[in-house]
Amino acid sequence: MTGRKSRKFTRRQALQATIAGFGAAAAGISFGRNAFAAEDKKLNFYNWDTYIGETTLDDFKDTSGIDVNMSLFADNDELFAKLKEGNPGFDLIVPTNDFVERMVQAGMLQKLDHTKIPNFKKNVSPLFQDAGFDKGRVYSMPYMWGTMGIGYRKSRVNKPITSWASVMDSDEYSGRFSWLSESRTMLGITGMYLGHGMNAVDPVLIDAAADLLIKQKPHVKVIAEDNGQDLLLSGEVDLAVEWNGDILQIMEEDDDIGYVIPDEGSLVWEDTLCIPTGAPHPNNAHAFINYILDANAGAKIAEFIFYATPNQASRNLLGDDYNKNPAIFPPEEVIAKCEPAIYLGETLQRHYEEAWTRLQAAT
C-alpha cells in the first residue's frame, strides 16, 4: 500500500453508508444488561463519527463471522455520560487518554487480556507500548493519535492563521467560525492561548478561559458537535476548531481547505480501544482489537481516516504522502508546544463542566 486510491465517492459518503447499514442491524438489539445469556457472534461498538476504515467492519466479519453493530457519539462528554449509570450493552468504546483514567477510577473499564491481543506487542510502536494515563496498558490499547487545530478556507482568510486569537479573541471572522462542543478540550486550548496551559488546576484560571469564550461567543457561528469539518466543507463557516484528521478528510475533497496548529500550541491526544465493564461480548471485543492492530487492517484504517497510527507495522505499509504529511505527523518543534489533557480529578472536572455550562447559557 503506497498511496491513496482515487474514489468514486467521498470518504464521508462511504462511512455514512457503512454506518447506515450497521445501524439498521443495531436498531433491533436490546441493550439491557441481561440481554445476552451467552456470548454470540455479535459486537456492539461505540465509536466517533468517520473513525473506522471503509471496509473494516465487513472485513472483520469475513474473517471472524462476528457482526459489528456500530453506533456513534460526538465527544468524550457524551461517551462518559452514556456509561456513567452503567453499561447499556457496549462491548468496545473509544475514549481519549484523559477519559481513560477518569473511567478507570470510576470503575467503568475492565482489564484487558494481553494474551488475546498478540498484535499489540508485535506491531505497535515502542513509543505506545506504555502510557502515563494507563501504566502497563492494563485497560487500553492505542488506536490513533493527533492534534487539535484550526481548519480554514484559504480563499476566505485575509492573512495566515497563526494564533487562536482568530477564533477566541477577535471579531475579524465574526459569524464565520465554529468551536467544538467538548468542554475540557475547548477550555484547555483557551488556557493555552492565555498562557495557562492545557491543564489549569486553579479555578480562577479555568474561569478566565470561560470568560474569554463568553466574551467571544457573539462572534461564533455554531458550537459544533464534531461536525465542524462538514460546516467548513459546505461553506457555512470559514474557520473551524477541529481534530486534525477530520480536517484532513475534507482537504482531500477540497484543496481550498487548510489546517494549522496555532503558535501558542494545542492539544495532542491519543484515542484508545477499551472494553467497558459489563460488556456482553468481551471475547469478541478482544478479537476485534487484535484485528484492528493487524498491520494490513490498521494500514487501511489509517489511510482512510487520515489520523496518525501508533501501529509501526501499519506505517511501514503506507507511503510518504501519509508518513511525511505534517498535518498527520507534525514536526517535533510543533509537537513540543502541544500538551495532552490530564485527568485532574472529579472536583476540577466538575469545575470545567460548570464553566462550560455557564458559557453555553450565556447570550
Protein backbone atom coordinates (compact mmCIF):
# COMPACT_ATOMS: atom_id res chain seq x y z
CA MET A 1 0.00 0.00 0.00
CA THR A 2 1.92 3.03 -1.24
CA GLY A 3 -0.63 5.81 -1.70
CA ARG A 4 -4.25 6.83 -1.54
CA LYS A 5 -6.51 5.37 -4.16
CA SER A 6 -8.91 7.54 -6.13
CA ARG A 7 -12.54 7.15 -5.07
CA LYS A 8 -15.79 7.48 -7.00
CA PHE A 9 -17.44 8.81 -3.86
CA THR A 10 -16.11 10.57 -0.79
CA ARG A 11 -14.80 9.02 2.40
CA ARG A 12 -17.66 10.67 4.29
CA GLN A 13 -20.28 9.15 1.96
CA ALA A 14 -18.67 5.74 2.32
CA LEU A 15 -18.67 5.92 6.11
CA GLN A 16 -22.24 7.17 6.24
CA ALA A 17 -23.31 4.23 4.08
CA THR A 18 -21.45 1.83 6.35
CA ILE A 19 -22.97 3.32 9.48
CA ALA A 20 -26.45 3.25 7.95
CA GLY A 21 -26.13 -0.44 7.16
CA PHE A 22 -24.81 -1.46 10.53
CA GLY A 23 -27.07 0.98 12.33
CA ALA A 24 -30.10 -0.80 10.88
CA ALA A 25 -28.85 -4.03 12.41
CA ALA A 26 -28.15 -2.31 15.72
CA ALA A 27 -31.69 -0.96 15.87
CA GLY A 28 -33.04 -4.43 16.55
CA ILE A 29 -30.76 -5.10 19.52
CA SER A 30 -31.80 -4.88 23.13
CA PHE A 31 -29.10 -3.16 25.17
CA GLY A 32 -30.26 -4.37 28.58
CA ARG A 33 -27.56 -5.78 30.85
CA ASN A 34 -29.07 -9.25 30.75
CA ALA A 35 -29.92 -9.22 27.08
CA PHE A 36 -27.21 -11.75 26.24
CA ALA A 37 -27.27 -15.02 28.18
CA ALA A 38 -24.16 -16.25 26.34
CA GLU A 39 -21.61 -14.63 24.08
CA ASP A 40 -22.54 -14.97 20.41
CA LYS A 41 -21.16 -13.64 17.12
CA LYS A 42 -22.01 -10.01 17.81
CA LEU A 43 -20.09 -6.93 18.88
CA ASN A 44 -21.59 -3.60 19.96
CA PHE A 45 -19.10 -0.86 19.07
CA TYR A 46 -19.46 2.75 20.33
CA ASN A 47 -17.25 4.97 18.20
CA TRP A 48 -16.63 8.51 16.96
CA ASP A 49 -18.06 9.55 13.60
CA THR A 50 -15.93 8.87 10.45
CA TYR A 51 -13.41 6.95 12.56
CA ILE A 52 -13.12 3.47 11.07
CA GLY A 53 -11.93 2.09 7.74
CA GLU A 54 -14.18 1.90 4.69
CA THR A 55 -14.34 -1.92 4.79
CA THR A 56 -13.05 -2.70 8.31
CA LEU A 57 -16.33 -3.97 9.73
CA ASP A 58 -17.09 -6.12 6.68
CA ASP A 59 -13.53 -7.45 6.56
CA PHE A 60 -13.65 -8.39 10.24
CA LYS A 61 -16.94 -10.22 9.74
CA ASP A 62 -15.43 -12.13 6.80
CA THR A 63 -12.51 -13.31 8.91
CA SER A 64 -14.33 -13.90 12.21
CA GLY A 65 -18.02 -14.31 11.47
CA ILE A 66 -18.73 -11.57 14.03
CA ASP A 67 -21.30 -8.87 13.21
CA VAL A 68 -20.28 -5.41 14.41
CA ASN A 69 -23.12 -3.07 15.32
CA MET A 70 -21.63 0.42 15.43
CA SER A 71 -23.26 3.47 16.97
CA LEU A 72 -21.75 6.93 17.31
CA PHE A 73 -21.01 9.54 19.95
CA ALA A 74 -19.96 13.16 19.34
CA ASP A 75 -17.44 13.70 22.13
CA ASN A 76 -15.95 12.25 25.31
CA ASP A 77 -18.52 14.03 27.46
CA GLU A 78 -21.31 12.16 25.68
CA LEU A 79 -19.44 8.86 25.94
CA PHE A 80 -18.89 9.27 29.67
CA ALA A 81 -22.48 10.30 30.31
CA LYS A 82 -23.78 7.31 28.34
CA LEU A 83 -21.91 4.82 30.53
CA LYS A 84 -21.97 6.71 33.82
CA GLU A 85 -25.03 4.92 35.17
CA GLY A 86 -23.96 1.52 33.86
CA ASN A 87 -23.06 -0.06 30.54
CA PRO A 88 -26.18 -0.24 28.36
CA GLY A 89 -24.66 -3.06 26.30
CA PHE A 90 -21.48 -1.85 24.59
CA ASP A 91 -18.52 -4.18 24.07
CA LEU A 92 -15.93 -1.74 22.79
CA ILE A 93 -15.53 2.03 23.19
CA VAL A 94 -13.01 4.65 22.03
CA PRO A 95 -12.22 7.12 24.86
CA THR A 96 -9.42 9.69 24.71
CA ASN A 97 -6.43 9.42 27.06
CA ASP A 98 -7.65 11.59 29.96
CA PHE A 99 -11.07 9.94 29.89
CA VAL A 100 -9.44 6.51 30.13
CA GLU A 101 -8.01 7.48 33.51
CA ARG A 102 -11.30 9.03 34.57
CA MET A 103 -13.27 5.93 33.58
CA VAL A 104 -10.80 3.59 35.29
CA GLN A 105 -11.15 5.49 38.55
CA ALA A 106 -14.93 5.30 38.19
CA GLY A 107 -14.82 1.52 37.66
CA MET A 108 -16.17 1.81 34.12
CA LEU A 109 -13.49 -0.20 32.28
CA GLN A 110 -12.42 -3.82 32.57
CA LYS A 111 -8.87 -5.12 32.38
CA LEU A 112 -7.61 -6.42 29.06
CA ASP A 113 -6.18 -9.88 28.48
CA HIS A 114 -2.97 -9.22 26.55
CA THR A 115 -2.68 -12.88 25.57
CA LYS A 116 -5.73 -12.32 23.35
CA ILE A 117 -4.13 -9.27 21.68
CA PRO A 118 -0.78 -10.56 20.32
CA ASN A 119 -0.67 -7.85 17.64
CA PHE A 120 -0.10 -5.26 20.36
CA LYS A 121 3.46 -6.33 21.17
CA LYS A 122 4.07 -7.45 17.61
CA ASN A 123 3.06 -4.32 15.72
CA VAL A 124 2.61 -1.25 17.93
CA SER A 125 5.47 1.26 18.13
CA PRO A 126 7.52 1.07 21.35
CA LEU A 127 6.50 4.70 21.99
CA PHE A 128 2.93 3.49 22.56
CA GLN A 129 3.61 0.25 24.41
CA ASP A 130 3.05 2.09 27.68
CA ALA A 131 1.14 5.21 28.67
CA GLY A 132 1.23 7.61 31.58
CA PHE A 133 -2.57 7.55 31.79
CA ASP A 134 -2.66 3.72 31.83
CA LYS A 135 0.56 2.18 33.13
CA GLY A 136 1.19 -1.20 31.56
CA ARG A 137 -1.75 -0.76 29.17
CA VAL A 138 -3.96 -2.57 31.63
CA TYR A 139 -7.21 -1.05 30.34
CA SER A 140 -6.47 0.49 26.95
CA MET A 141 -4.94 -0.21 23.57
CA PRO A 142 -3.70 2.67 21.36
CA TYR A 143 -5.91 3.39 18.35
CA MET A 144 -4.95 6.74 16.81
CA TRP A 145 -3.30 9.97 17.93
CA GLY A 146 -3.35 13.53 16.67
CA THR A 147 -3.80 17.21 17.37
CA MET A 148 -6.44 19.89 17.64
CA GLY A 149 -6.17 22.92 15.38
CA ILE A 150 -7.97 25.27 13.06
CA GLY A 151 -9.28 24.17 9.69
CA TYR A 152 -9.78 27.10 7.35
CA ARG A 153 -10.81 28.03 3.83
CA LYS A 154 -7.73 29.51 2.19
CA SER A 155 -9.61 31.82 -0.16
CA ARG A 156 -11.61 33.34 2.70
CA VAL A 157 -8.82 34.34 5.11
CA ASN A 158 -7.02 37.65 4.78
CA LYS A 159 -3.67 36.55 6.18
CA PRO A 160 -2.05 33.37 7.53
CA ILE A 161 -3.84 31.90 10.55
CA THR A 162 -1.17 31.76 13.27
CA SER A 163 -3.00 32.25 16.58
CA TRP A 164 -6.03 31.02 18.48
CA ALA A 165 -6.97 34.72 18.63
CA SER A 166 -8.67 34.31 15.25
CA VAL A 167 -11.45 32.28 16.89
CA MET A 168 -11.10 33.24 20.57
CA ASP A 169 -10.24 36.91 20.79
CA SER A 170 -11.14 38.78 17.61
CA ASP A 171 -14.11 39.91 15.57
CA GLU A 172 -12.22 39.59 12.27
CA TYR A 173 -14.12 36.43 11.34
CA SER A 174 -17.31 37.20 13.23
CA GLY A 175 -20.09 34.76 12.33
CA ARG A 176 -17.71 32.74 10.18
CA PHE A 177 -16.19 30.18 12.57
CA SER A 178 -17.18 27.20 14.70
CA TRP A 179 -15.98 25.81 18.00
CA LEU A 180 -16.00 22.22 19.19
CA SER A 181 -18.60 21.25 21.80
CA GLU A 182 -16.23 19.46 24.17
CA SER A 183 -15.80 21.31 27.43
CA ARG A 184 -12.39 20.06 28.59
CA THR A 185 -10.83 20.48 25.15
CA MET A 186 -12.14 23.97 24.39
CA LEU A 187 -11.33 25.37 27.82
CA GLY A 188 -7.93 23.69 27.75
CA ILE A 189 -6.83 25.15 24.43
CA THR A 190 -8.20 28.55 25.53
CA GLY A 191 -5.95 28.20 28.55
CA MET A 192 -3.02 27.60 26.22
CA TYR A 193 -3.86 30.80 24.34
CA LEU A 194 -3.93 32.67 27.66
CA GLY A 195 -0.60 31.15 28.68
CA HIS A 196 -2.07 28.97 31.44
CA GLY A 197 -1.51 25.63 29.72
CA MET A 198 -3.89 22.82 28.84
CA ASN A 199 -4.36 21.58 32.40
CA ALA A 200 -5.06 24.55 34.66
CA VAL A 201 -5.78 23.47 38.24
CA ASP A 202 -6.61 26.92 39.60
CA PRO A 203 -10.38 27.53 39.32
CA VAL A 204 -9.64 31.23 38.71
CA LEU A 205 -7.71 30.32 35.54
CA ILE A 206 -10.44 27.95 34.38
CA ASP A 207 -12.99 30.72 34.85
CA ALA A 208 -10.74 33.15 32.98
CA ALA A 209 -10.77 30.81 29.97
CA ALA A 210 -14.56 30.55 30.15
CA ASP A 211 -14.89 34.34 30.49
CA LEU A 212 -12.84 34.88 27.33
CA LEU A 213 -15.02 32.46 25.37
CA ILE A 214 -18.19 34.06 26.75
CA LYS A 215 -16.92 37.42 25.53
CA GLN A 216 -16.22 35.87 22.13
CA LYS A 217 -19.44 33.86 21.91
CA PRO A 218 -21.46 36.52 20.00
CA HIS A 219 -19.00 36.07 17.13
CA VAL A 220 -19.16 32.26 16.88
CA LYS A 221 -21.42 30.80 14.20
CA VAL A 222 -22.02 27.48 15.96
CA ILE A 223 -20.64 25.29 18.73
CA ALA A 224 -20.45 22.12 16.67
CA GLU A 225 -20.86 18.56 17.84
CA ASP A 226 -17.89 17.04 15.98
CA ASN A 227 -19.12 18.24 12.58
CA GLY A 228 -17.20 21.48 12.18
CA GLN A 229 -15.41 19.92 9.21
CA ASP A 230 -18.76 19.47 7.42
CA LEU A 231 -19.65 23.11 8.05
CA LEU A 232 -16.28 24.15 6.66
CA LEU A 233 -16.63 21.96 3.58
CA SER A 234 -20.15 23.23 2.84
CA GLY A 235 -19.10 26.87 3.19
CA GLU A 236 -21.23 27.56 6.27
CA VAL A 237 -18.08 28.60 8.15
CA ASP A 238 -14.62 29.68 7.02
CA LEU A 239 -12.75 28.51 10.13
CA ALA A 240 -13.41 25.51 12.37
CA VAL A 241 -11.77 24.35 15.59
CA GLU A 242 -11.48 20.63 14.89
CA TRP A 243 -9.48 17.41 15.10
CA ASN A 244 -6.70 17.25 12.52
CA GLY A 245 -7.89 14.05 10.81
CA ASP A 246 -11.40 15.41 10.31
CA ILE A 247 -9.95 18.42 8.52
CA LEU A 248 -7.57 16.24 6.51
CA GLN A 249 -10.52 14.18 5.30
CA ILE A 250 -12.15 17.23 3.74
CA MET A 251 -8.83 18.55 2.45
CA GLU A 252 -8.82 15.54 0.15
CA GLU A 253 -12.17 16.68 -1.22
CA ASP A 254 -11.41 20.42 -1.47
CA ASP A 255 -7.91 21.84 -1.99
CA ASP A 256 -9.10 25.24 -0.73
CA ILE A 257 -9.06 23.83 2.83
CA GLY A 258 -6.00 24.16 5.08
CA TYR A 259 -5.09 23.13 8.65
CA VAL A 260 -2.86 24.83 11.20
CA ILE A 261 -1.78 24.34 14.80
CA PRO A 262 -1.61 27.86 16.29
CA ASP A 263 1.69 29.24 17.57
CA GLU A 264 0.50 29.11 21.20
CA GLY A 265 0.38 25.32 20.94
CA SER A 266 -2.53 22.95 21.19
CA LEU A 267 -3.85 19.64 22.40
CA VAL A 268 -2.07 16.43 21.47
CA TRP A 269 -4.25 13.41 22.19
CA GLU A 270 -4.43 9.63 21.96
CA ASP A 271 -7.65 7.73 21.36
CA THR A 272 -7.84 4.21 22.69
CA LEU A 273 -9.74 0.95 22.43
CA CYS A 274 -11.29 -0.11 25.75
CA ILE A 275 -13.75 -2.75 26.93
CA PRO A 276 -16.33 -1.25 29.30
CA THR A 277 -17.34 -3.02 32.49
CA GLY A 278 -20.30 -5.32 31.85
CA ALA A 279 -19.54 -5.82 28.15
CA PRO A 280 -21.72 -8.73 26.92
CA HIS A 281 -19.15 -9.91 24.33
CA PRO A 282 -15.66 -9.36 25.82
CA ASN A 283 -14.04 -12.17 23.81
CA ASN A 284 -15.33 -10.67 20.58
CA ALA A 285 -14.05 -7.28 21.71
CA HIS A 286 -10.57 -8.70 22.25
CA ALA A 287 -10.70 -10.30 18.81
CA PHE A 288 -11.70 -7.02 17.18
CA ILE A 289 -8.96 -5.09 18.99
CA ASN A 290 -6.40 -7.62 17.80
CA TYR A 291 -7.77 -7.35 14.26
CA ILE A 292 -7.52 -3.54 14.28
CA LEU A 293 -3.88 -3.86 15.40
CA ASP A 294 -3.09 -6.14 12.46
CA ALA A 295 -0.61 -4.47 10.09
CA ASN A 296 -2.80 -4.58 6.98
CA ALA A 297 -6.09 -3.82 8.72
CA GLY A 298 -4.52 -0.93 10.62
CA ALA A 299 -2.97 0.50 7.46
CA LYS A 300 -6.32 0.50 5.68
CA ILE A 301 -7.92 2.36 8.60
CA ALA A 302 -5.14 4.94 8.86
CA GLU A 303 -5.03 5.56 5.12
CA PHE A 304 -8.79 6.09 5.03
CA ILE A 305 -9.36 8.30 8.06
CA PHE A 306 -6.12 10.38 7.94
CA TYR A 307 -5.17 10.08 11.59
CA ALA A 308 -1.73 9.13 12.92
CA THR A 309 -1.50 5.43 13.70
CA PRO A 310 0.66 4.20 16.60
CA ASN A 311 0.98 0.90 14.69
CA GLN A 312 4.52 0.84 13.28
CA ALA A 313 3.80 -2.24 11.18
CA SER A 314 0.92 -0.37 9.54
CA ARG A 315 3.06 2.72 8.92
CA ASN A 316 5.60 0.55 7.14
CA LEU A 317 2.93 -0.30 4.55
CA LEU A 318 1.98 3.32 3.87
CA GLY A 319 3.66 5.79 1.53
CA ASP A 320 5.27 9.18 2.02
CA ASP A 321 2.02 11.03 1.37
CA TYR A 322 0.86 9.60 4.69
CA ASN A 323 4.08 9.23 6.71
CA LYS A 324 5.52 12.62 5.75
CA ASN A 325 2.32 14.66 5.92
CA PRO A 326 2.97 17.34 8.58
CA ALA A 327 -0.75 17.67 9.33
CA ILE A 328 -0.77 13.97 10.32
CA PHE A 329 2.69 13.81 11.91
CA PRO A 330 3.60 17.39 12.93
CA PRO A 331 7.26 18.42 13.14
CA GLU A 332 8.95 17.92 16.50
CA GLU A 333 9.06 21.66 17.17
CA VAL A 334 5.28 21.87 16.78
CA ILE A 335 4.59 18.83 18.96
CA ALA A 336 6.92 20.33 21.59
CA LYS A 337 4.40 23.19 22.02
CA CYS A 338 1.44 20.82 22.44
CA GLU A 339 0.17 19.23 25.65
CA PRO A 340 -2.03 16.24 26.43
CA ALA A 341 -5.12 16.68 28.56
CA ILE A 342 -4.65 15.15 32.01
CA TYR A 343 -7.44 13.90 34.23
CA LEU A 344 -7.35 16.26 37.21
CA GLY A 345 -9.92 14.58 39.45
CA GLU A 346 -13.67 14.90 39.71
CA THR A 347 -13.69 18.20 41.62
CA LEU A 348 -11.77 20.05 38.90
CA GLN A 349 -13.54 18.11 36.16
CA ARG A 350 -16.86 19.39 37.52
CA HIS A 351 -15.45 22.92 37.59
CA TYR A 352 -14.53 22.67 33.91
CA GLU A 353 -18.01 21.34 33.12
CA GLU A 354 -19.72 24.04 35.18
CA ALA A 355 -17.65 26.73 33.45
CA TRP A 356 -18.69 25.29 30.09
CA THR A 357 -22.34 25.21 31.17
CA ARG A 358 -22.04 28.87 32.10
CA LEU A 359 -20.67 29.58 28.63
CA GLN A 360 -23.49 27.66 26.94
CA ALA A 361 -26.10 29.60 28.92
CA ALA A 362 -24.52 32.97 28.09
CA THR A 363 -26.18 35.09 25.44
